[in-house]
Amino acid sequence: MKSDVYFLKLDNDQYYIGSTTNIDRRISEHQKGMTKSTRHRRPVRLVFKQTFDNIRQAKIIEYRLKKLKSRKIIERIIENGFINLQLLGL
């Protein structure tokens, strides 16, 4: 099942990285405060989304990006419009 890795820009100027099989539902959950990690950082704005072949691949990429904890890399991905898998060692 196709899955997305996405970045949200939060009201405190931080980024949230996530993955999902249903991007519309997931963004709605964030906007309604149904997600603990973004509940108090609304409004949220989708700033990046990339689709992958399956949720396993999307979760691995999400994990690697979160492990890097690099705003610079996140902003480079947003600017380029895609995730460079080689940068993540994939």
C-alpha atoms as a PDB file:
ATOM      1  CA  MET A   1       0.000   0.000   0.000  1.00  0.00           C
ATOM      2  CA  LYS A   2       1.386   3.412  -0.981  1.00  0.00           C
ATOM      3  CA  SER A   3       2.523   5.476   2.005  1.00  0.00           C
ATOM      4  CA  ASP A   4       3.721   9.014   2.568  1.00  0.00           C
ATOM      5  CA  VAL A   5       6.505  10.553   4.588  1.00  0.00           C
ATOM      6  CA  TYR A   6       5.496  14.088   5.478  1.00  0.00           C
ATOM      7  CA  PHE A   7       6.769  17.175   7.281  1.00  0.00           C
ATOM      8  CA  LEU A   8       4.582  19.602   9.187  1.00  0.00           C
ATOM      9  CA  LYS A   9       5.653  23.105  10.145  1.00  0.00           C
ATOM     10  CA  LEU A  10       4.410  23.809  13.673  1.00  0.00           C
ATOM     11  CA  ASP A  11       3.399  27.133  15.205  1.00  0.00           C
ATOM     12  CA  ASN A  12       6.648  27.221  17.229  1.00  0.00           C
ATOM     13  CA  ASP A  13       8.678  27.085  13.972  1.00  0.00           C
ATOM     14  CA  GLN A  14       9.712  23.460  14.527  1.00  0.00           C
ATOM     15  CA  TYR A  15       9.128  20.548  12.158  1.00  0.00           C
ATOM     16  CA  TYR A  16       7.243  17.328  12.758  1.00  0.00           C
ATOM     17  CA  ILE A  17       8.164  14.250  10.684  1.00  0.00           C
ATOM     18  CA  GLY A  18       5.621  11.488  10.178  1.00  0.00           C
ATOM     19  CA  SER A  19       4.476   8.687   7.894  1.00  0.00           C
ATOM     20  CA  THR A  20       1.028   7.398   7.013  1.00  0.00           C
ATOM     21  CA  THR A  21      -1.032   5.411   4.534  1.00  0.00           C
ATOM     22  CA  ASN A  22      -3.759   8.104   4.526  1.00  0.00           C
ATOM     23  CA  ILE A  23      -2.308  11.616   4.406  1.00  0.00           C
ATOM     24  CA  ASP A  24      -5.660  13.460   4.410  1.00  0.00           C
ATOM     25  CA  ARG A  25      -6.888  11.662   7.529  1.00  0.00           C
ATOM     26  CA  ARG A  26      -3.578  12.097   9.313  1.00  0.00           C
ATOM     27  CA  ILE A  27      -3.330  15.838   8.603  1.00  0.00           C
ATOM     28  CA  SER A  28      -6.912  16.236   9.825  1.00  0.00           C
ATOM     29  CA  GLU A  29      -5.981  14.450  13.058  1.00  0.00           C
ATOM     30  CA  HIS A  30      -3.063  16.838  13.568  1.00  0.00           C
ATOM     31  CA  GLN A  31      -5.221  19.898  12.868  1.00  0.00           C
ATOM     32  CA  LYS A  32      -7.963  18.751  15.260  1.00  0.00           C
ATOM     33  CA  GLY A  33      -5.495  18.174  18.107  1.00  0.00           C
ATOM     34  CA  MET A  34      -5.897  14.400  18.065  1.00  0.00           C
ATOM     35  CA  THR A  35      -2.136  13.797  17.950  1.00  0.00           C
ATOM     36  CA  LYS A  36      -0.350  14.166  21.284  1.00  0.00           C
ATOM     37  CA  SER A  37       2.959  15.356  19.837  1.00  0.00           C
ATOM     38  CA  THR A  38       1.432  18.264  17.863  1.00  0.00           C
ATOM     39  CA  ARG A  39      -1.672  19.035  19.953  1.00  0.00           C
ATOM     40  CA  HIS A  40      -0.165  22.094  21.642  1.00  0.00           C
ATOM     41  CA  ARG A  41       1.746  23.304  18.585  1.00  0.00           C
ATOM     42  CA  ARG A  42      -1.166  24.105  16.311  1.00  0.00           C
ATOM     43  CA  PRO A  43      -1.867  25.286  13.756  1.00  0.00           C
ATOM     44  CA  VAL A  44       0.163  22.854  11.689  1.00  0.00           C
ATOM     45  CA  ARG A  45       0.957  23.247   8.007  1.00  0.00           C
ATOM     46  CA  LEU A  46       1.945  20.499   5.576  1.00  0.00           C
ATOM     47  CA  VAL A  47       5.207  21.633   3.949  1.00  0.00           C
ATOM     48  CA  PHE A  48       6.428  18.392   2.368  1.00  0.00           C
ATOM     49  CA  LYS A  49       5.121  15.014   1.279  1.00  0.00           C
ATOM     50  CA  GLN A  50       6.741  12.160  -0.643  1.00  0.00           C
ATOM     51  CA  THR A  51       5.047   8.893  -1.548  1.00  0.00           C
ATOM     52  CA  PHE A  52       6.744   5.502  -1.224  1.00  0.00           C
ATOM     53  CA  ASP A  53       5.744   1.985  -2.255  1.00  0.00           C
ATOM     54  CA  ASN A  54       4.825   0.699   1.201  1.00  0.00           C
ATOM     55  CA  ILE A  55       4.496   1.658   4.860  1.00  0.00           C
ATOM     56  CA  ARG A  56       7.611  -0.302   5.851  1.00  0.00           C
ATOM     57  CA  GLN A  57       9.797   1.812   3.577  1.00  0.00           C
ATOM     58  CA  ALA A  58       8.091   5.020   4.761  1.00  0.00           C
ATOM     59  CA  LYS A  59       8.599   4.088   8.441  1.00  0.00           C
ATOM     60  CA  ILE A  60      12.303   3.355   7.873  1.00  0.00           C
ATOM     61  CA  ILE A  61      12.775   6.730   6.182  1.00  0.00           C
ATOM     62  CA  GLU A  62      10.815   8.500   8.947  1.00  0.00           C
ATOM     63  CA  TYR A  63      13.003   6.810  11.584  1.00  0.00           C
ATOM     64  CA  ARG A  64      16.249   7.753   9.815  1.00  0.00           C
ATOM     65  CA  LEU A  65      15.167  11.381   9.420  1.00  0.00           C
ATOM     66  CA  LYS A  66      14.157  11.649  13.074  1.00  0.00           C
ATOM     67  CA  LYS A  67      17.450  10.087  14.139  1.00  0.00           C
ATOM     68  CA  LEU A  68      19.401  12.776  12.242  1.00  0.00           C
ATOM     69  CA  LYS A  69      17.638  15.594  14.146  1.00  0.00           C
ATOM     70  CA  SER A  70      18.835  18.056  11.534  1.00  0.00           C
ATOM     71  CA  ARG A  71      16.779  21.124  10.661  1.00  0.00           C
ATOM     72  CA  LYS A  72      19.270  21.845   7.866  1.00  0.00           C
ATOM     73  CA  ILE A  73      18.596  18.477   6.193  1.00  0.00           C
ATOM     74  CA  ILE A  74      14.824  18.845   6.598  1.00  0.00           C
ATOM     75  CA  GLU A  75      14.913  22.290   4.991  1.00  0.00           C
ATOM     76  CA  ARG A  76      17.139  21.012   2.166  1.00  0.00           C
ATOM     77  CA  ILE A  77      14.616  18.223   1.471  1.00  0.00           C
ATOM     78  CA  ILE A  78      11.763  20.754   1.402  1.00  0.00           C
ATOM     79  CA  GLU A  79      13.743  23.011  -0.941  1.00  0.00           C
ATOM     80  CA  ASN A  80      14.716  20.144  -3.286  1.00  0.00           C
ATOM     81  CA  GLY A  81      11.236  18.593  -3.223  1.00  0.00           C
ATOM     82  CA  PHE A  82      12.416  15.028  -2.554  1.00  0.00           C
ATOM     83  CA  ILE A  83      14.209  12.838  -0.025  1.00  0.00           C
ATOM     84  CA  ASN A  84      17.654  11.728  -1.190  1.00  0.00           C
ATOM     85  CA  LEU A  85      17.742   8.111  -0.015  1.00  0.00           C
ATOM     86  CA  GLN A  86      21.536   7.954  -0.393  1.00  0.00           C
ATOM     87  CA  LEU A  87      21.808  10.749   2.162  1.00  0.00           C
ATOM     88  CA  LEU A  88      20.006   8.455   4.615  1.00  0.00           C
ATOM     89  CA  GLY A  89      22.177   5.466   3.753  1.00  0.00           C
ATOM     90  CA  LEU A  90      19.385   3.629   1.929  1.00  0.00           C
END
